[in-house]
Each structure stands twice: as structure tokens, then as C-alpha cells.
Amino acid sequence: LLTLKQRYGSRVFIVIGNRDICKLRFFAELQEGEDGGSFEKKGGAYWIPDPKPHPDYETYVQMHNLERGHISTVRWVLDCNMGCQTTTFNTRRHELALLGVKATDEAVVHSYR
């Protein structure tokens, strides 16, 4: 796609939707040393007016008795930022099992990288 855009610049338009844009966050937030708290420190979802309808990362981790890290970050992004159902993380784990690959929490996180 990028090659087409480079070759035919003014004739090629790349259209992405809201969920596609949200998924781009995973690349940055699942890097080594990063988690949902990093997103919050950089201003968070500044486009959502206060009071926010969903908890920030720190509150989410405490509410669900999770450890800070990539697993809790994926759960938080799916549950609180992307408008997914709260079952999405577990549904992805089930899908991985059906595909015959490892179906652990870490495998789910890896599938979003």
C-alpha cells in the first residue's frame, strides 16, 4: 500500500477507520518498558471530555486486581479505550486455542503486537 501511495501519490488515498487508528496504539504501548500508564502520562485520551466514562489505567489495574504490564494494558485498551466488550480478551484467547496455537495471556498480548 505504501509503495502505491509513493508511486501514485495524488491518485491513492489510504482510508482507515477509528478502530484501525486505535489499533496503532498497540505498537507503541506494548514496547518494552511501556504500559497503559505511559499513555496516561502523555495526556491520555485528551479528546474525551471530563468526567471520563471509563477509568484511567491505574484505577483499572486496581479495580481488577491486575499487575501493571502488557497484559493489563491490552485489557484496559480493549475494555476502556476501544469500546470493545469486556469479553474481547478472553474471546481472543479462545480464538487462539481454536487455531491450535498457545492460548495464554501472553499469547493474546503477542497477537496484538
Foldseek 3Di string as FASTA:
>chain_A
DVVCCVVVVVVDDDDDDPLVVLLVVLVVQQDPPHAQVVCVVVPHPVVADPPAPDDRLVVQCVVVVHDTHLLSRVLCCQVRPNPHDNCVLVVQLVVCVVVVHHRDSVVSSVVSD
